[in-house]
Amino acid sequence: DKDFSERVELSHVLSDEKKAPMKINIAKGKEEKDLVHFGFDNAANFHKQQLELKSRSKVELEMLRDTLSLKEIPKRMECIDISNTGETAVVASNVCFIDGKPAKQFYRKYNVKTLDGGQDDFASMREIVERRIERALRDGDMPDLLVIDGGKGQLSAALDAKKKFKNLEMNIVSLAKARTQKFAIDVKTPR
């Protein structure tokens, strides 16, 4: 209702933050005051939803840590899948999650380079995991958990790629459709 002495200072701080001129007005009249109260209520509800989402995400990540017997909650998880379109085009997709949320700016697509006119899911996985680890060492963005789409063969190929890098702290798991269960999980964590 009343003007406040920090209004000009606050408008300068907001202008600097938004890199655009900002002006703070005082609500006058019932409609403007109702609108301000409506905005406060919306902001409070949004904040509450964000806290609940963060809490639920933390619980889910703790469950993942416990299920996979990991030492810590994985902050950065990446998932790799190999796709074959015919015999000549073999590609891999790599999706990234940070704190359990999709981080689309880190999604990558790889063209498999080492195959000569055939398809070999295991060799493809070995190549892509090796390339991803090399880039992570160079760029400082090593995932805490690497999830491989595939069974024991793809998991073994990923672990072979990891062996090339001594003392590498990164957990690798694989997910595969099982015949008797909906999904099976193979876990290999460093001891």
Protein backbone atom coordinates (compact mmCIF):
# COMPACT_ATOMS: atom_id res chain seq x y z
CA ASP A 1 0.00 0.00 0.00
CA LYS A 2 2.75 2.44 0.90
CA ASP A 3 5.82 3.50 -1.02
CA PHE A 4 9.07 2.07 0.32
CA SER A 5 12.51 3.65 0.44
CA GLU A 6 14.34 0.76 -1.29
CA ARG A 7 12.11 0.88 -4.39
CA VAL A 8 14.61 2.76 -6.57
CA GLU A 9 17.53 0.61 -5.41
CA LEU A 10 15.54 -2.59 -6.01
CA SER A 11 14.58 -1.45 -9.52
CA HIS A 12 18.31 -0.91 -10.30
CA VAL A 13 19.19 -4.39 -9.01
CA LEU A 14 16.40 -5.97 -11.08
CA SER A 15 17.44 -3.94 -14.15
CA ASP A 16 21.01 -5.19 -13.81
CA GLU A 17 19.81 -8.78 -13.33
CA LYS A 18 17.46 -8.72 -16.34
CA LYS A 19 19.74 -6.46 -18.41
CA ALA A 20 16.69 -4.36 -19.21
CA PRO A 21 15.15 -1.31 -17.54
CA MET A 22 12.83 -2.28 -14.70
CA LYS A 23 10.48 0.02 -12.84
CA ILE A 24 8.60 -0.84 -9.67
CA ASN A 25 5.16 0.67 -9.35
CA ILE A 26 2.96 0.82 -6.29
CA ALA A 27 -0.45 -0.83 -6.71
CA LYS A 28 -3.27 1.67 -6.61
CA GLY A 29 -6.90 0.76 -6.57
CA LYS A 30 -8.61 -2.54 -5.81
CA GLU A 31 -7.94 -4.22 -9.19
CA GLU A 32 -4.19 -3.61 -9.07
CA LYS A 33 -3.97 -4.72 -5.43
CA ASP A 34 -5.96 -7.89 -6.21
CA LEU A 35 -3.61 -8.59 -9.10
CA VAL A 36 -0.58 -8.22 -6.82
CA HIS A 37 -2.11 -10.60 -4.27
CA PHE A 38 -2.94 -13.05 -7.06
CA GLY A 39 0.71 -12.89 -8.22
CA PHE A 40 1.97 -13.55 -4.68
CA ASP A 41 -0.38 -16.54 -4.34
CA ASN A 42 0.80 -17.95 -7.70
CA ALA A 43 4.45 -17.50 -6.74
CA ALA A 44 3.88 -19.21 -3.37
CA ASN A 45 2.09 -22.15 -5.04
CA PHE A 46 4.82 -22.49 -7.67
CA HIS A 47 7.50 -22.46 -4.96
CA LYS A 48 5.63 -25.13 -2.99
CA GLN A 49 5.30 -27.34 -6.12
CA GLN A 50 9.01 -26.96 -6.86
CA LEU A 51 9.92 -27.99 -3.31
CA GLU A 52 7.65 -31.05 -3.53
CA LEU A 53 9.12 -32.00 -6.91
CA LYS A 54 12.66 -31.61 -5.60
CA SER A 55 11.83 -33.72 -2.55
CA ARG A 56 10.23 -36.47 -4.66
CA SER A 57 13.18 -36.45 -7.06
CA LYS A 58 15.59 -36.80 -4.12
CA VAL A 59 13.65 -39.81 -2.78
CA GLU A 60 13.67 -41.44 -6.22
CA LEU A 61 17.41 -40.89 -6.58
CA GLU A 62 17.99 -42.34 -3.10
CA MET A 63 15.97 -45.41 -4.13
CA LEU A 64 18.08 -45.72 -7.29
CA ARG A 65 21.27 -45.48 -5.24
CA ASP A 66 20.05 -48.16 -2.85
CA THR A 67 18.72 -50.47 -5.58
CA LEU A 68 22.02 -50.33 -7.48
CA SER A 69 24.17 -50.40 -4.31
CA LEU A 70 25.90 -47.15 -5.29
CA LYS A 71 28.06 -45.26 -2.81
CA GLU A 72 26.38 -41.94 -3.55
CA ILE A 73 23.33 -40.56 -5.29
CA PRO A 74 24.25 -40.12 -8.96
CA LYS A 75 24.24 -36.41 -9.71
CA ARG A 76 24.82 -36.87 -13.44
CA MET A 77 23.38 -39.90 -15.22
CA GLU A 78 23.69 -40.63 -18.91
CA CYS A 79 22.00 -43.29 -20.99
CA ILE A 80 23.43 -44.71 -24.22
CA ASP A 81 21.46 -46.60 -26.86
CA ILE A 82 22.73 -47.98 -30.18
CA SER A 83 20.42 -47.89 -33.19
CA ASN A 84 20.86 -49.63 -36.51
CA THR A 85 19.06 -48.41 -39.58
CA GLY A 86 19.90 -51.08 -42.06
CA GLU A 87 23.45 -52.32 -42.22
CA THR A 88 25.19 -49.07 -43.02
CA ALA A 89 23.85 -46.41 -40.66
CA VAL A 90 24.74 -47.15 -37.04
CA VAL A 91 24.18 -44.33 -34.58
CA ALA A 92 24.08 -43.91 -30.83
CA SER A 93 22.06 -41.55 -28.70
CA ASN A 94 23.24 -40.27 -25.35
CA VAL A 95 20.74 -38.57 -23.04
CA CYS A 96 21.71 -36.84 -19.82
CA PHE A 97 19.97 -36.28 -16.49
CA ILE A 98 21.30 -33.97 -13.81
CA ASP A 99 19.79 -34.33 -10.34
CA GLY A 100 17.14 -36.57 -11.90
CA LYS A 101 16.00 -33.97 -14.44
CA PRO A 102 16.54 -34.13 -18.20
CA ALA A 103 19.45 -31.91 -19.27
CA LYS A 104 18.68 -31.62 -22.99
CA GLN A 105 21.59 -29.29 -23.65
CA PHE A 106 23.87 -32.29 -23.02
CA TYR A 107 22.04 -34.77 -25.27
CA ARG A 108 24.34 -36.13 -27.99
CA LYS A 109 24.11 -38.22 -31.13
CA TYR A 110 27.12 -40.22 -32.28
CA ASN A 111 27.84 -41.79 -35.64
CA VAL A 112 29.63 -45.09 -35.15
CA LYS A 113 32.95 -44.82 -37.01
CA THR A 114 34.75 -48.13 -36.53
CA LEU A 115 32.43 -50.56 -38.33
CA ASP A 116 33.09 -51.47 -41.96
CA GLY A 117 29.73 -52.06 -43.61
CA GLY A 118 28.19 -54.28 -40.97
CA GLN A 119 26.51 -54.05 -37.64
CA ASP A 120 27.98 -55.11 -34.35
CA ASP A 121 26.13 -53.77 -31.32
CA PHE A 122 28.91 -54.75 -28.95
CA ALA A 123 31.70 -53.08 -30.94
CA SER A 124 29.47 -50.04 -31.42
CA MET A 125 28.82 -49.77 -27.69
CA ARG A 126 32.53 -50.17 -26.92
CA GLU A 127 33.40 -47.35 -29.33
CA ILE A 128 30.75 -44.94 -28.10
CA VAL A 129 31.48 -45.48 -24.40
CA GLU A 130 35.20 -45.03 -25.06
CA ARG A 131 34.54 -41.80 -26.99
CA ARG A 132 32.21 -40.53 -24.25
CA ILE A 133 34.77 -41.22 -21.52
CA GLU A 134 37.54 -39.52 -23.54
CA ARG A 135 35.36 -36.44 -23.97
CA ALA A 136 34.37 -36.46 -20.28
CA LEU A 137 38.02 -36.57 -19.22
CA ARG A 138 38.80 -33.71 -21.60
CA ASP A 139 35.74 -31.57 -20.71
CA GLY A 140 35.40 -32.45 -17.01
CA ASP A 141 31.81 -33.73 -17.28
CA MET A 142 32.12 -37.38 -16.26
CA PRO A 143 28.78 -39.03 -15.50
CA ASP A 144 28.41 -40.67 -12.10
CA LEU A 145 26.23 -43.37 -13.63
CA LEU A 146 26.19 -44.63 -17.21
CA VAL A 147 23.10 -46.63 -18.19
CA ILE A 148 23.51 -48.92 -21.18
CA ASP A 149 20.49 -50.00 -23.17
CA GLY A 150 21.16 -53.68 -23.76
CA GLY A 151 21.99 -56.94 -22.08
CA LYS A 152 25.13 -58.60 -20.83
CA GLY A 153 26.97 -58.27 -24.15
CA GLN A 154 26.47 -54.50 -24.33
CA LEU A 155 27.36 -54.19 -20.63
CA SER A 156 30.58 -56.19 -21.17
CA ALA A 157 31.48 -53.98 -24.13
CA ALA A 158 30.94 -50.84 -22.05
CA LEU A 159 33.04 -52.26 -19.20
CA ASP A 160 35.80 -53.18 -21.69
CA ALA A 161 35.83 -49.56 -22.87
CA LYS A 162 36.04 -48.35 -19.27
CA LYS A 163 39.03 -50.65 -18.54
CA LYS A 164 41.17 -48.58 -20.93
CA PHE A 165 41.02 -45.74 -18.40
CA LYS A 166 42.79 -46.64 -15.17
CA ASN A 167 41.10 -45.87 -11.84
CA LEU A 168 38.03 -44.36 -13.46
CA GLU A 169 35.22 -43.76 -10.94
CA MET A 170 32.05 -44.30 -12.93
CA ASN A 171 29.28 -46.82 -12.36
CA ILE A 172 27.88 -48.63 -15.38
CA VAL A 173 24.59 -50.52 -15.44
CA SER A 174 22.59 -52.05 -18.24
CA LEU A 175 18.87 -52.41 -18.76
CA ALA A 176 17.49 -55.16 -20.94
CA LYS A 177 14.10 -56.62 -21.64
CA ALA A 178 13.91 -60.02 -20.00
CA ARG A 179 11.82 -62.98 -21.06
CA THR A 180 10.22 -63.52 -17.66
CA GLN A 181 10.26 -59.99 -16.25
CA LYS A 182 9.45 -56.63 -17.69
CA PHE A 183 13.04 -55.41 -17.18
CA ALA A 184 16.25 -56.92 -15.83
CA ILE A 185 19.12 -54.92 -14.43
CA ASP A 186 22.77 -55.98 -14.63
CA VAL A 187 24.92 -53.96 -12.25
CA LYS A 188 28.69 -53.69 -12.23
CA THR A 189 29.99 -51.12 -9.77
CA PRO A 190 33.61 -50.51 -8.80
CA ARG A 191 34.64 -52.11 -5.54
